[in-house]
Amino acid sequence: MVIAGKKVFVTGGGVRVGAAIVRAFAAKGARLVIHCNNSRNEAEELLESIGGREKGHTLFAFDLTDKNFREKGKNFASLKECLAECDVLINNASCYYRKDLFQESMQEISLQFEVNFFAPVFLMKLFAENAKDGASIVNILDQGIFKTDPKAFSYALSKKALAEATKSAALTFAPRIRVNAVAPGPMIPPVDMPFSTMEKSISSIPLKKAVAPEDVASSCVFLSENSSMTGAILTVDGGLSLA
């Protein structure tokens, strides 16, 4: 796939790694649809920084946990129309609670599965209905899919489920649509720990550094461009999954 001129939909694209993904595709000449929910102001600023609507970029704000949009509610028609125009779907939006089974409430469990699994699966299905031949889907996972982490119970399970959904969708949508994933290691402190230096996490990484969001973003571009890859999970974790 030649990225220049293609239309790319990025969920959770207003901040953090999502913003890095948006910038990476914009630098390749793509037209971006930046999805956001609570980060509307940041998404608007990002939109302007990459050229704004004059360059063909747009903003799409809605709540991924709102079941109405999956049940043909008020956002469904506009979302379907938007995805039908896209060549690439990046399922980046994520919800993270680092809690074990005893600590988590059922509401927290439900929320993580809604954002991390059900919403990406729904978007893959809707995207595939009208996707062009050669279209690409990239799901953002977590290096934790390769091991058991009881301290992040539902988050880990929801990402493992999305990993299996990636492989299953790759077979289901082939040869028309390719489906791949990126499994990053620790990148940015959690939202509720903005001043963390991540010393404990970094000490366990063989490369002894946090993963750069730009490296995850370039991996998304690579997977979208590479026409021979589907069902692949690209690990970008500084070697953490080897430890």
Protein backbone atom coordinates (compact mmCIF):
# COMPACT_ATOMS: atom_id res chain seq x y z
CA MET A 1 0.00 0.00 0.00
CA VAL A 2 1.16 3.49 -0.85
CA ILE A 3 0.11 5.54 2.16
CA ALA A 4 0.10 8.93 0.43
CA GLY A 5 -3.47 9.94 -0.32
CA LYS A 6 -5.00 7.10 1.70
CA LYS A 7 -7.57 7.76 4.43
CA VAL A 8 -6.67 6.45 7.91
CA PHE A 9 -9.04 6.14 10.89
CA VAL A 10 -7.27 6.17 14.29
CA THR A 11 -9.25 5.52 17.48
CA GLY A 12 -8.00 7.38 20.54
CA GLY A 13 -5.95 9.48 18.14
CA GLY A 14 -5.91 12.74 20.06
CA VAL A 15 -3.28 12.03 22.70
CA ARG A 16 -0.37 9.82 23.74
CA VAL A 17 0.57 7.02 21.31
CA GLY A 18 -2.55 7.70 19.25
CA ALA A 19 -1.26 11.19 18.46
CA ALA A 20 2.11 9.72 17.45
CA ILE A 21 0.32 7.34 15.07
CA VAL A 22 -1.64 10.23 13.57
CA ARG A 23 1.55 12.23 13.00
CA ALA A 24 3.35 9.26 11.44
CA PHE A 25 0.63 8.66 8.86
CA ALA A 26 0.24 12.39 8.19
CA ALA A 27 3.98 12.60 7.49
CA LYS A 28 3.49 9.91 4.81
CA GLY A 29 0.81 11.99 3.12
CA ALA A 30 -2.29 10.21 4.46
CA ARG A 31 -5.58 11.90 5.29
CA LEU A 32 -6.46 11.29 8.93
CA VAL A 33 -9.74 10.73 10.75
CA ILE A 34 -8.86 11.40 14.40
CA HIS A 35 -11.28 9.71 16.77
CA CYS A 36 -11.53 11.10 20.29
CA ASN A 37 -13.87 11.14 23.26
CA ASN A 38 -12.64 13.03 26.33
CA SER A 39 -9.61 14.56 24.58
CA ARG A 40 -11.50 16.82 22.17
CA ASN A 41 -9.32 19.90 22.81
CA GLU A 42 -6.08 17.98 22.32
CA ALA A 43 -7.46 16.33 19.18
CA GLU A 44 -8.42 19.72 17.73
CA GLU A 45 -4.90 21.03 18.37
CA LEU A 46 -3.40 17.92 16.76
CA LEU A 47 -5.71 18.29 13.76
CA GLU A 48 -4.49 21.84 13.17
CA SER A 49 -0.84 20.86 13.66
CA ILE A 50 -0.98 18.36 10.77
CA GLY A 51 -2.69 20.75 8.38
CA GLY A 52 -6.30 20.72 9.51
CA ARG A 53 -9.35 20.18 7.36
CA GLU A 54 -7.74 21.99 4.43
CA LYS A 55 -5.39 18.99 4.09
CA GLY A 56 -8.29 16.53 4.19
CA HIS A 57 -8.03 15.62 7.88
CA THR A 58 -11.15 15.37 10.06
CA LEU A 59 -12.23 14.77 13.64
CA PHE A 60 -14.78 12.17 14.79
CA ALA A 61 -15.86 12.37 18.44
CA PHE A 62 -17.92 9.65 20.13
CA ASP A 63 -17.82 7.33 23.12
CA LEU A 64 -16.63 3.80 22.26
CA THR A 65 -18.53 2.46 25.26
CA ASP A 66 -21.87 3.85 24.03
CA LYS A 67 -23.72 0.74 22.90
CA ASN A 68 -26.19 2.86 20.94
CA PHE A 69 -23.66 3.47 18.19
CA ARG A 70 -23.24 -0.29 17.79
CA GLU A 71 -26.99 -0.76 17.65
CA LYS A 72 -27.63 1.66 14.79
CA GLY A 73 -28.12 4.66 17.05
CA LYS A 74 -27.44 8.29 16.19
CA ASN A 75 -23.71 7.81 15.45
CA PHE A 76 -24.02 4.58 13.48
CA ALA A 77 -24.83 5.95 10.01
CA SER A 78 -22.13 8.63 10.07
CA LEU A 79 -19.57 6.16 11.44
CA LYS A 80 -20.40 3.59 8.75
CA GLU A 81 -20.14 6.24 6.03
CA CYS A 82 -16.81 7.48 7.40
CA LEU A 83 -15.28 3.99 7.62
CA ALA A 84 -16.46 3.17 4.10
CA GLU A 85 -14.19 5.96 2.83
CA CYS A 86 -11.13 4.72 4.77
CA ASP A 87 -8.28 2.52 3.60
CA VAL A 88 -6.73 1.86 7.02
CA LEU A 89 -8.24 1.31 10.48
CA ILE A 90 -6.01 1.62 13.55
CA ASN A 91 -7.68 0.35 16.74
CA ASN A 92 -5.57 2.20 19.28
CA ALA A 93 -8.01 3.42 21.98
CA SER A 94 -7.51 1.59 25.25
CA CYS A 95 -8.71 1.46 28.86
CA TYR A 96 -6.30 0.38 31.59
CA TYR A 97 -6.80 -0.47 35.26
CA ARG A 98 -3.89 -2.20 36.95
CA LYS A 99 -5.93 -4.26 39.39
CA ASP A 100 -6.17 -7.94 40.20
CA LEU A 101 -9.35 -10.00 40.25
CA PHE A 102 -10.14 -9.16 43.87
CA GLN A 103 -9.58 -5.42 43.39
CA GLU A 104 -11.53 -4.91 40.19
CA SER A 105 -15.19 -4.00 40.21
CA MET A 106 -17.51 -5.54 37.65
CA GLN A 107 -17.94 -2.06 36.18
CA GLU A 108 -14.18 -1.77 35.62
CA ILE A 109 -14.06 -5.23 34.09
CA SER A 110 -16.92 -4.37 31.73
CA LEU A 111 -15.39 -1.02 30.73
CA GLN A 112 -12.04 -2.54 29.80
CA PHE A 113 -13.64 -5.21 27.64
CA GLU A 114 -15.93 -2.62 26.01
CA VAL A 115 -13.02 -0.39 24.97
CA ASN A 116 -10.24 -2.95 24.47
CA PHE A 117 -12.18 -5.77 22.79
CA PHE A 118 -15.83 -5.21 21.86
CA ALA A 119 -15.33 -1.79 20.23
CA PRO A 120 -12.35 -2.90 18.07
CA VAL A 121 -14.22 -6.04 16.98
CA PHE A 122 -17.28 -3.99 16.06
CA LEU A 123 -15.17 -1.48 14.12
CA MET A 124 -13.35 -4.27 12.26
CA LYS A 125 -16.68 -5.78 11.20
CA LEU A 126 -18.13 -2.43 10.11
CA PHE A 127 -14.93 -1.46 8.30
CA ALA A 128 -14.78 -4.80 6.46
CA GLU A 129 -18.32 -4.49 5.12
CA ASN A 130 -17.34 -1.82 2.60
CA ALA A 131 -13.54 -1.82 2.66
CA LYS A 132 -11.61 -1.54 -0.56
CA ASP A 133 -9.43 -4.40 -1.77
CA GLY A 134 -6.02 -4.11 -0.14
CA ALA A 135 -7.35 -2.34 2.94
CA SER A 136 -5.50 -2.73 6.24
CA ILE A 137 -6.39 -3.04 9.92
CA VAL A 138 -3.85 -2.68 12.73
CA ASN A 139 -4.82 -3.40 16.35
CA ILE A 140 -2.73 -2.09 19.25
CA LEU A 141 -2.22 -4.82 21.84
CA ASP A 142 0.29 -5.07 24.72
CA GLN A 143 3.39 -7.17 25.27
CA GLY A 144 1.56 -8.65 28.26
CA ILE A 145 -0.38 -10.92 25.88
CA PHE A 146 2.60 -13.27 25.91
CA LYS A 147 2.42 -14.02 29.63
CA THR A 148 0.03 -14.08 32.58
CA ASP A 149 -0.26 -10.88 34.59
CA PRO A 150 -2.69 -11.35 37.51
CA LYS A 151 -2.08 -7.75 38.61
CA ALA A 152 -3.81 -6.42 35.49
CA PHE A 153 -6.55 -9.02 35.28
CA SER A 154 -9.17 -7.70 32.85
CA TYR A 155 -6.83 -5.46 30.90
CA ALA A 156 -4.58 -8.42 30.12
CA LEU A 157 -7.49 -10.67 29.23
CA SER A 158 -9.10 -8.08 26.95
CA LYS A 159 -5.84 -7.59 25.04
CA LYS A 160 -5.31 -11.36 24.76
CA ALA A 161 -8.83 -11.63 23.33
CA LEU A 162 -8.06 -8.89 20.79
CA ALA A 163 -4.88 -10.72 19.80
CA GLU A 164 -6.90 -13.84 18.97
CA ALA A 165 -9.50 -11.69 17.19
CA THR A 166 -6.69 -10.23 15.07
CA LYS A 167 -5.60 -13.66 13.85
CA SER A 168 -9.16 -14.86 13.30
CA ALA A 169 -10.12 -11.72 11.37
CA ALA A 170 -6.98 -12.04 9.26
CA LEU A 171 -8.19 -15.42 8.04
CA THR A 172 -11.82 -14.32 7.69
CA PHE A 173 -11.08 -11.13 5.72
CA ALA A 174 -8.31 -12.54 3.50
CA PRO A 175 -7.43 -11.95 0.73
CA ARG A 176 -9.27 -8.63 0.53
CA ILE A 177 -8.21 -7.08 3.86
CA ARG A 178 -5.05 -7.57 5.90
CA VAL A 179 -5.26 -7.59 9.72
CA ASN A 180 -2.17 -7.22 11.90
CA ALA A 181 -1.26 -5.96 15.35
CA VAL A 182 1.47 -4.23 17.35
CA ALA A 183 2.25 -5.34 20.92
CA PRO A 184 4.12 -2.47 22.64
CA GLY A 185 6.03 -2.55 25.87
CA PRO A 186 5.95 0.23 28.52
CA MET A 187 5.87 3.63 26.82
CA ILE A 188 4.26 6.42 28.82
CA PRO A 189 3.26 6.59 32.50
CA PRO A 190 -0.43 5.73 33.09
CA VAL A 191 -2.85 8.65 33.07
CA ASP A 192 -3.34 8.38 36.84
CA MET A 193 0.46 8.44 37.43
CA PRO A 194 1.64 11.39 35.29
CA PHE A 195 4.81 12.03 37.30
CA SER A 196 6.03 8.44 37.35
CA THR A 197 9.56 7.84 36.04
CA MET A 198 8.69 4.19 35.30
CA GLU A 199 11.98 3.11 36.93
CA LYS A 200 10.67 -0.32 37.97
CA SER A 201 9.27 -1.07 34.51
CA ILE A 202 12.37 0.17 32.68
CA SER A 203 14.70 -1.87 34.89
CA SER A 204 13.05 -5.07 33.64
CA ILE A 205 13.41 -4.17 29.94
CA PRO A 206 16.53 -5.64 28.30
CA LEU A 207 17.16 -2.42 26.32
CA LYS A 208 16.77 -0.41 29.57
CA LYS A 209 14.54 2.25 28.07
CA ALA A 210 10.86 2.93 27.58
CA VAL A 211 9.42 2.26 24.16
CA ALA A 212 9.15 5.42 22.07
CA PRO A 213 5.58 6.07 20.88
CA GLU A 214 7.10 7.01 17.52
CA ASP A 215 8.46 3.45 17.18
CA VAL A 216 4.98 2.01 17.71
CA ALA A 217 3.61 4.53 15.19
CA SER A 218 6.20 3.61 12.55
CA SER A 219 5.32 -0.06 13.11
CA CYS A 220 1.68 0.74 12.30
CA VAL A 221 2.79 2.42 9.07
CA PHE A 222 5.01 -0.55 8.21
CA LEU A 223 2.23 -3.09 8.73
CA SER A 224 -0.13 -1.00 6.61
CA GLU A 225 2.39 -0.74 3.79
CA ASN A 226 3.56 -4.36 3.75
CA SER A 227 1.21 -6.24 1.43
CA SER A 228 2.58 -9.68 2.39
CA MET A 229 1.77 -9.52 6.10
CA THR A 230 -1.50 -10.55 7.73
CA GLY A 231 -2.22 -12.15 11.09
CA ALA A 232 1.14 -10.91 12.38
CA ILE A 233 1.75 -9.50 15.85
CA LEU A 234 4.76 -7.19 15.79
CA THR A 235 6.37 -6.96 19.23
CA VAL A 236 7.84 -3.52 20.00
CA ASP A 237 8.84 -3.86 23.65
CA GLY A 238 12.59 -3.48 24.03
CA GLY A 239 12.86 -7.24 24.55
CA LEU A 240 10.59 -7.31 27.61
CA SER A 241 8.58 -10.30 26.37
CA LEU A 242 11.84 -12.30 26.29
CA ALA A 243 12.56 -11.72 29.98
